């Protein structure tokens, strides 16, 4: 069970790093602009699917981190 969570933790960590690196950097023109200007000029801030996927993997990473701490404390 412990090895399974460790492998899953490793997979989620690597995937999260890749997802963060794939995120589109904001251009300097997008910084400080309001939503009205973004919609007016069709400026896209980021890919919504990639952002949501990153959030999901970040939450999974957090949950697995807490779970592994509890598993390690119980074993010791």
PDB file of N, CA and C in Angstrom:
ATOM      1  N   UNK A   1       0.831  -1.194   0.000  1.00  0.00           N
ATOM      2  CA  UNK A   1       0.000   0.000   0.000  1.00  0.00           C
ATOM      3  C   UNK A   1       0.875   1.258   0.000  1.00  0.00           C
ATOM      4  N   UNK A   2       1.910   1.234   0.824  1.00  0.00           N
ATOM      5  CA  UNK A   2       2.808   2.386   0.917  1.00  0.00           C
ATOM      6  C   UNK A   2       3.543   2.612  -0.407  1.00  0.00           C
ATOM      7  N   UNK A   3       3.947   1.532  -1.059  1.00  0.00           N
ATOM      8  CA  UNK A   3       4.657   1.636  -2.341  1.00  0.00           C
ATOM      9  C   UNK A   3       3.720   2.171  -3.419  1.00  0.00           C
ATOM     10  N   UNK A   4       2.463   1.754  -3.381  1.00  0.00           N
ATOM     11  CA  UNK A   4       1.478   2.244  -4.349  1.00  0.00           C
ATOM     12  C   UNK A   4       1.320   3.756  -4.249  1.00  0.00           C
ATOM     13  N   UNK A   5       1.161   4.261  -3.013  1.00  0.00           N
ATOM     14  CA  UNK A   5       1.006   5.703  -2.825  1.00  0.00           C
ATOM     15  C   UNK A   5       2.275   6.456  -3.217  1.00  0.00           C
ATOM     16  N   UNK A   6       3.422   5.854  -2.979  1.00  0.00           N
ATOM     17  CA  UNK A   6       4.675   6.485  -3.346  1.00  0.00           C
ATOM     18  C   UNK A   6       4.815   6.598  -4.865  1.00  0.00           C
ATOM     19  N   UNK A   7       4.441   5.534  -5.586  1.00  0.00           N
ATOM     20  CA  UNK A   7       4.479   5.571  -7.055  1.00  0.00           C
ATOM     21  C   UNK A   7       3.470   6.565  -7.609  1.00  0.00           C
ATOM     22  N   UNK A   8       2.276   6.586  -7.028  1.00  0.00           N
ATOM     23  CA  UNK A   8       1.251   7.538  -7.446  1.00  0.00           C
ATOM     24  C   UNK A   8       1.701   8.969  -7.172  1.00  0.00           C
ATOM     25  N   UNK A   9       2.342   9.174  -6.031  1.00  0.00           N
ATOM     26  CA  UNK A   9       2.870  10.487  -5.658  1.00  0.00           C
ATOM     27  C   UNK A   9       3.937  10.940  -6.651  1.00  0.00           C
ATOM     28  N   UNK A  10       4.795  10.031  -7.045  1.00  0.00           N
ATOM     29  CA  UNK A  10       5.843  10.344  -8.018  1.00  0.00           C
ATOM     30  C   UNK A  10       5.240  10.702  -9.376  1.00  0.00           C
ATOM     31  N   UNK A  11       4.245   9.938  -9.815  1.00  0.00           N
ATOM     32  CA  UNK A  11       3.578  10.206 -11.090  1.00  0.00           C
ATOM     33  C   UNK A  11       2.893  11.573 -11.077  1.00  0.00           C
ATOM     34  N   UNK A  12       2.177  11.870 -10.008  1.00  0.00           N
ATOM     35  CA  UNK A  12       1.473  13.155  -9.921  1.00  0.00           C
ATOM     36  C   UNK A  12       2.472  14.303  -9.842  1.00  0.00           C
ATOM     37  N   UNK A  13       3.583  14.118  -9.142  1.00  0.00           N
ATOM     38  CA  UNK A  13       4.600  15.174  -9.040  1.00  0.00           C
ATOM     39  C   UNK A  13       5.196  15.507 -10.398  1.00  0.00           C
ATOM     40  N   UNK A  14       5.567  14.484 -11.149  1.00  0.00           N
ATOM     41  CA  UNK A  14       6.158  14.712 -12.474  1.00  0.00           C
ATOM     42  C   UNK A  14       5.140  15.335 -13.420  1.00  0.00           C
ATOM     43  N   UNK A  15       3.902  14.845 -13.376  1.00  0.00           N
ATOM     44  CA  UNK A  15       2.851  15.395 -14.227  1.00  0.00           C
ATOM     45  C   UNK A  15       2.568  16.851 -13.880  1.00  0.00           C
ATOM     46  N   UNK A  16       2.575  17.166 -12.598  1.00  0.00           N
ATOM     47  CA  UNK A  16       2.331  18.539 -12.168  1.00  0.00           C
ATOM     48  C   UNK A  16       3.445  19.468 -12.640  1.00  0.00           C
ATOM     49  N   UNK A  17       4.676  19.014 -12.576  1.00  0.00           N
ATOM     50  CA  UNK A  17       5.799  19.823 -13.073  1.00  0.00           C
ATOM     51  C   UNK A  17       5.643  20.082 -14.565  1.00  0.00           C
ATOM     52  N   UNK A  18       5.280  19.060 -15.317  1.00  0.00           N
ATOM     53  CA  UNK A  18       5.099  19.211 -16.767  1.00  0.00           C
ATOM     54  C   UNK A  18       3.948  20.169 -17.068  1.00  0.00           C
ATOM     55  N   UNK A  19       2.843  20.035 -16.336  1.00  0.00           N
ATOM     56  CA  UNK A  19       1.694  20.918 -16.567  1.00  0.00           C
ATOM     57  C   UNK A  19       2.034  22.375 -16.260  1.00  0.00           C
ATOM     58  N   UNK A  20       2.799  22.596 -15.206  1.00  0.00           N
ATOM     59  CA  UNK A  20       3.183  23.965 -14.867  1.00  0.00           C
ATOM     60  C   UNK A  20       4.098  24.543 -15.936  1.00  0.00           C
ATOM     61  N   UNK A  21       5.004  23.723 -16.453  1.00  0.00           N
ATOM     62  CA  UNK A  21       5.904  24.206 -17.497  1.00  0.00           C
ATOM     63  C   UNK A  21       5.174  24.470 -18.810  1.00  0.00           C
ATOM     64  N   UNK A  22       4.058  23.778 -19.037  1.00  0.00           N
ATOM     65  CA  UNK A  22       3.291  23.984 -20.263  1.00  0.00           C
ATOM     66  C   UNK A  22       2.403  25.215 -20.214  1.00  0.00           C
ATOM     67  N   UNK A  23       2.193  25.749 -19.009  1.00  0.00           N
ATOM     68  CA  UNK A  23       1.344  26.925 -18.891  1.00  0.00           C
ATOM     69  C   UNK A  23       1.911  28.061 -19.719  1.00  0.00           C
ATOM     70  N   UNK A  24       1.040  28.762 -20.360  1.00  0.00           N
ATOM     71  CA  UNK A  24       1.450  29.894 -21.190  1.00  0.00           C
ATOM     72  C   UNK A  24       1.791  31.080 -20.299  1.00  0.00           C
ATOM     73  N   UNK A  25       2.944  31.651 -20.517  1.00  0.00           N
ATOM     74  CA  UNK A  25       3.342  32.837 -19.757  1.00  0.00           C
ATOM     75  C   UNK A  25       2.497  34.023 -20.204  1.00  0.00           C
ATOM     76  N   UNK A  26       2.169  34.855 -19.239  1.00  0.00           N
ATOM     77  CA  UNK A  26       1.417  36.064 -19.574  1.00  0.00           C
ATOM     78  C   UNK A  26       2.366  37.059 -20.221  1.00  0.00           C
ATOM     79  N   UNK A  27       1.931  37.662 -21.291  1.00  0.00           N
ATOM     80  CA  UNK A  27       2.732  38.700 -21.923  1.00  0.00           C
ATOM     81  C   UNK A  27       2.664  39.964 -21.091  1.00  0.00           C
ATOM     82  N   UNK A  28       3.591  40.848 -21.287  1.00  0.00           N
ATOM     83  CA  UNK A  28       3.606  42.086 -20.502  1.00  0.00           C
ATOM     84  C   UNK A  28       2.388  42.950 -20.812  1.00  0.00           C
ATOM     85  N   UNK A  29       1.783  42.761 -21.981  1.00  0.00           N
ATOM     86  CA  UNK A  29       0.594  43.542 -22.326  1.00  0.00           C
ATOM     87  C   UNK A  29      -0.621  43.087 -21.523  1.00  0.00           C
ATOM     88  N   UNK A  30      -0.638  41.827 -21.082  1.00  0.00           N
ATOM     89  CA  UNK A  30      -1.780  41.310 -20.327  1.00  0.00           C
ATOM     90  C   UNK A  30      -1.747  41.703 -18.863  1.00  0.00           C
ATOM     91  N   UNK A  31      -0.589  42.056 -18.347  1.00  0.00           N
ATOM     92  CA  UNK A  31      -0.472  42.377 -16.933  1.00  0.00           C
ATOM     93  C   UNK A  31      -1.103  43.745 -16.680  1.00  0.00           C
ATOM     94  N   UNK A  32      -2.033  43.770 -15.758  1.00  0.00           N
ATOM     95  CA  UNK A  32      -2.662  45.028 -15.388  1.00  0.00           C
ATOM     96  C   UNK A  32      -3.868  45.392 -16.238  1.00  0.00           C
ATOM     97  N   UNK A  33      -4.252  44.576 -17.178  1.00  0.00           N
ATOM     98  CA  UNK A  33      -5.425  44.890 -17.986  1.00  0.00           C
ATOM     99  C   UNK A  33      -6.652  44.306 -17.314  1.00  0.00           C
ATOM    100  N   UNK A  34      -7.765  44.952 -17.509  1.00  0.00           N
ATOM    101  CA  UNK A  34      -8.997  44.475 -16.898  1.00  0.00           C
ATOM    102  C   UNK A  34      -9.645  43.417 -17.787  1.00  0.00           C
ATOM    103  N   UNK A  35     -10.667  42.768 -17.242  1.00  0.00           N
ATOM    104  CA  UNK A  35     -11.385  41.749 -18.013  1.00  0.00           C
ATOM    105  C   UNK A  35     -12.079  42.346 -19.225  1.00  0.00           C
ATOM    106  N   UNK A  36     -12.505  43.606 -19.126  1.00  0.00           N
ATOM    107  CA  UNK A  36     -13.175  44.248 -20.257  1.00  0.00           C
ATOM    108  C   UNK A  36     -12.208  44.396 -21.428  1.00  0.00           C
ATOM    109  N   UNK A  37     -10.989  44.803 -21.126  1.00  0.00           N
ATOM    110  CA  UNK A  37      -9.996  44.939 -22.190  1.00  0.00           C
ATOM    111  C   UNK A  37      -9.619  43.595 -22.779  1.00  0.00           C
ATOM    112  N   UNK A  38      -9.539  42.572 -21.951  1.00  0.00           N
ATOM    113  CA  UNK A  38      -9.196  41.238 -22.451  1.00  0.00           C
ATOM    114  C   UNK A  38     -10.271  40.723 -23.392  1.00  0.00           C
ATOM    115  N   UNK A  39     -11.540  40.935 -23.014  1.00  0.00           N
ATOM    116  CA  UNK A  39     -12.629  40.503 -23.879  1.00  0.00           C
ATOM    117  C   UNK A  39     -12.733  41.370 -25.130  1.00  0.00           C
ATOM    118  N   UNK A  40     -12.453  42.640 -24.992  1.00  0.00           N
ATOM    119  CA  UNK A  40     -12.550  43.567 -26.101  1.00  0.00           C
ATOM    120  C   UNK A  40     -11.529  43.261 -27.183  1.00  0.00           C
ATOM    121  N   UNK A  41     -10.310  42.972 -26.776  1.00  0.00           N
ATOM    122  CA  UNK A  41      -9.247  42.704 -27.740  1.00  0.00           C
ATOM    123  C   UNK A  41      -8.991  41.211 -27.952  1.00  0.00           C
ATOM    124  N   UNK A  42      -9.850  40.364 -27.401  1.00  0.00           N
ATOM    125  CA  UNK A  42      -9.725  38.905 -27.508  1.00  0.00           C
ATOM    126  C   UNK A  42      -8.354  38.407 -27.051  1.00  0.00           C
ATOM    127  N   UNK A  43      -7.896  38.932 -25.938  1.00  0.00           N
ATOM    128  CA  UNK A  43      -6.626  38.496 -25.370  1.00  0.00           C
ATOM    129  C   UNK A  43      -6.912  37.302 -24.469  1.00  0.00           C
ATOM    130  N   UNK A  44      -6.328  36.176 -24.797  1.00  0.00           N
ATOM    131  CA  UNK A  44      -6.522  34.974 -24.001  1.00  0.00           C
ATOM    132  C   UNK A  44      -5.449  34.900 -22.929  1.00  0.00           C
ATOM    133  N   UNK A  45      -5.863  34.697 -21.665  1.00  0.00           N
ATOM    134  CA  UNK A  45      -4.882  34.635 -20.591  1.00  0.00           C
ATOM    135  C   UNK A  45      -4.218  33.273 -20.520  1.00  0.00           C
ATOM    136  N   UNK A  46      -4.954  32.210 -20.693  1.00  0.00           N
ATOM    137  CA  UNK A  46      -4.367  30.879 -20.659  1.00  0.00           C
ATOM    138  C   UNK A  46      -5.382  29.873 -21.176  1.00  0.00           C
ATOM    139  N   UNK A  47      -4.892  28.674 -21.377  1.00  0.00           N
ATOM    140  CA  UNK A  47      -5.748  27.593 -21.808  1.00  0.00           C
ATOM    141  C   UNK A  47      -6.531  27.102 -20.598  1.00  0.00           C
ATOM    142  N   UNK A  48      -7.861  27.160 -20.673  1.00  0.00           N
ATOM    143  CA  UNK A  48      -8.691  26.801 -19.535  1.00  0.00           C
ATOM    144  C   UNK A  48      -8.553  25.337 -19.143  1.00  0.00           C
ATOM    145  N   UNK A  49      -8.467  24.457 -20.117  1.00  0.00           N
ATOM    146  CA  UNK A  49      -8.345  23.031 -19.827  1.00  0.00           C
ATOM    147  C   UNK A  49      -7.049  22.741 -19.075  1.00  0.00           C
ATOM    148  N   UNK A  50      -5.962  23.341 -19.535  1.00  0.00           N
ATOM    149  CA  UNK A  50      -4.664  23.133 -18.899  1.00  0.00           C
ATOM    150  C   UNK A  50      -4.656  23.693 -17.484  1.00  0.00           C
ATOM    151  N   UNK A  51      -5.304  24.819 -17.296  1.00  0.00           N
ATOM    152  CA  UNK A  51      -5.378  25.427 -15.973  1.00  0.00           C
ATOM    153  C   UNK A  51      -6.170  24.554 -15.013  1.00  0.00           C
ATOM    154  N   UNK A  52      -7.304  24.052 -15.461  1.00  0.00           N
ATOM    155  CA  UNK A  52      -8.128  23.191 -14.598  1.00  0.00           C
ATOM    156  C   UNK A  52      -7.411  21.884 -14.276  1.00  0.00           C
ATOM    157  N   UNK A  53      -6.719  21.328 -15.265  1.00  0.00           N
ATOM    158  CA  UNK A  53      -5.964  20.100 -15.050  1.00  0.00           C
ATOM    159  C   UNK A  53      -4.840  20.319 -14.044  1.00  0.00           C
ATOM    160  N   UNK A  54      -4.200  21.467 -14.111  1.00  0.00           N
ATOM    161  CA  UNK A  54      -3.145  21.799 -13.159  1.00  0.00           C
ATOM    162  C   UNK A  54      -3.706  21.922 -11.751  1.00  0.00           C
ATOM    163  N   UNK A  55      -4.873  22.528 -11.619  1.00  0.00           N
ATOM    164  CA  UNK A  55      -5.512  22.671 -10.311  1.00  0.00           C
ATOM    165  C   UNK A  55      -5.876  21.306  -9.737  1.00  0.00           C
ATOM    166  N   UNK A  56      -6.399  20.425 -10.573  1.00  0.00           N
ATOM    167  CA  UNK A  56      -6.768  19.080 -10.123  1.00  0.00           C
ATOM    168  C   UNK A  56      -5.534  18.321  -9.644  1.00  0.00           C
ATOM    169  N   UNK A  57      -4.452  18.373 -10.421  1.00  0.00           N
ATOM    170  CA  UNK A  57      -3.242  17.666 -10.032  1.00  0.00           C
ATOM    171  C   UNK A  57      -2.604  18.290  -8.793  1.00  0.00           C
ATOM    172  N   UNK A  58      -2.715  19.593  -8.624  1.00  0.00           N
ATOM    173  CA  UNK A  58      -2.187  20.236  -7.420  1.00  0.00           C
ATOM    174  C   UNK A  58      -2.966  19.785  -6.179  1.00  0.00           C
ATOM    175  N   UNK A  59      -4.284  19.662  -6.312  1.00  0.00           N
ATOM    176  CA  UNK A  59      -5.096  19.171  -5.195  1.00  0.00           C
ATOM    177  C   UNK A  59      -4.771  17.720  -4.868  1.00  0.00           C
ATOM    178  N   UNK A  60      -4.599  16.894  -5.903  1.00  0.00           N
ATOM    179  CA  UNK A  60      -4.207  15.503  -5.678  1.00  0.00           C
ATOM    180  C   UNK A  60      -2.848  15.416  -4.999  1.00  0.00           C
ATOM    181  N   UNK A  61      -1.923  16.275  -5.405  1.00  0.00           N
ATOM    182  CA  UNK A  61      -0.597  16.323  -4.800  1.00  0.00           C
ATOM    183  C   UNK A  61      -0.703  16.654  -3.315  1.00  0.00           C
ATOM    184  N   UNK A  62      -1.537  17.628  -2.978  1.00  0.00           N
ATOM    185  CA  UNK A  62      -1.720  18.027  -1.589  1.00  0.00           C
ATOM    186  C   UNK A  62      -2.327  16.904  -0.759  1.00  0.00           C
ATOM    187  N   UNK A  63      -3.354  16.267  -1.300  1.00  0.00           N
ATOM    188  CA  UNK A  63      -4.019  15.175  -0.585  1.00  0.00           C
ATOM    189  C   UNK A  63      -3.063  14.008  -0.365  1.00  0.00           C
ATOM    190  N   UNK A  64      -2.302  13.651  -1.398  1.00  0.00           N
ATOM    191  CA  UNK A  64      -1.352  12.548  -1.249  1.00  0.00           C
ATOM    192  C   UNK A  64      -0.221  12.900  -0.291  1.00  0.00           C
ATOM    193  N   UNK A  65       0.178  14.157  -0.241  1.00  0.00           N
ATOM    194  CA  UNK A  65       1.215  14.572   0.704  1.00  0.00           C
ATOM    195  C   UNK A  65       0.731  14.389   2.140  1.00  0.00           C
ATOM    196  N   UNK A  66      -0.474  14.814   2.411  1.00  0.00           N
ATOM    197  CA  UNK A  66      -1.052  14.660   3.749  1.00  0.00           C
ATOM    198  C   UNK A  66      -1.227  13.181   4.085  1.00  0.00           C
ATOM    199  N   UNK A  67      -1.680  12.410   3.119  1.00  0.00           N
ATOM    200  CA  UNK A  67      -1.889  10.978   3.327  1.00  0.00           C
ATOM    201  C   UNK A  67      -0.574  10.263   3.619  1.00  0.00           C
ATOM    202  N   UNK A  68       0.471  10.622   2.901  1.00  0.00           N
ATOM    203  CA  UNK A  68       1.764   9.982   3.128  1.00  0.00           C
ATOM    204  C   UNK A  68       2.351  10.355   4.485  1.00  0.00           C
ATOM    205  N   UNK A  69       2.137  11.582   4.910  1.00  0.00           N
ATOM    206  CA  UNK A  69       2.602  11.960   6.253  1.00  0.00           C
ATOM    207  C   UNK A  69       1.900  11.133   7.320  1.00  0.00           C
ATOM    208  N   UNK A  70       0.611  10.921   7.155  1.00  0.00           N
ATOM    209  CA  UNK A  70      -0.128  10.124   8.118  1.00  0.00           C
ATOM    210  C   UNK A  70       0.296   8.650   8.083  1.00  0.00           C
ATOM    211  N   UNK A  71       0.561   8.128   6.900  1.00  0.00           N
ATOM    212  CA  UNK A  71       1.003   6.736   6.778  1.00  0.00           C
ATOM    213  C   UNK A  71       2.378   6.569   7.422  1.00  0.00           C
ATOM    214  N   UNK A  72       3.283   7.514   7.197  1.00  0.00           N
ATOM    215  CA  UNK A  72       4.619   7.428   7.779  1.00  0.00           C
ATOM    216  C   UNK A  72       4.578   7.555   9.304  1.00  0.00           C
ATOM    217  N   UNK A  73       3.689   8.381   9.826  1.00  0.00           N
ATOM    218  CA  UNK A  73       3.564   8.524  11.275  1.00  0.00           C
ATOM    219  C   UNK A  73       2.991   7.272  11.922  1.00  0.00           C
ATOM    220  N   UNK A  74       2.093   6.593  11.243  1.00  0.00           N
ATOM    221  CA  UNK A  74       1.500   5.366  11.787  1.00  0.00           C
ATOM    222  C   UNK A  74       2.494   4.220  11.791  1.00  0.00           C
ATOM    223  N   UNK A  75       3.358   4.176  10.785  1.00  0.00           N
ATOM    224  CA  UNK A  75       4.319   3.076  10.685  1.00  0.00           C
ATOM    225  C   UNK A  75       5.424   3.250  11.718  1.00  0.00           C
ATOM    226  N   UNK A  76       5.853   4.486  11.963  1.00  0.00           N
ATOM    227  CA  UNK A  76       6.922   4.719  12.923  1.00  0.00           C
ATOM    228  C   UNK A  76       6.384   4.516  14.298  1.00  0.00           C
TER     229      UNK A  76
END
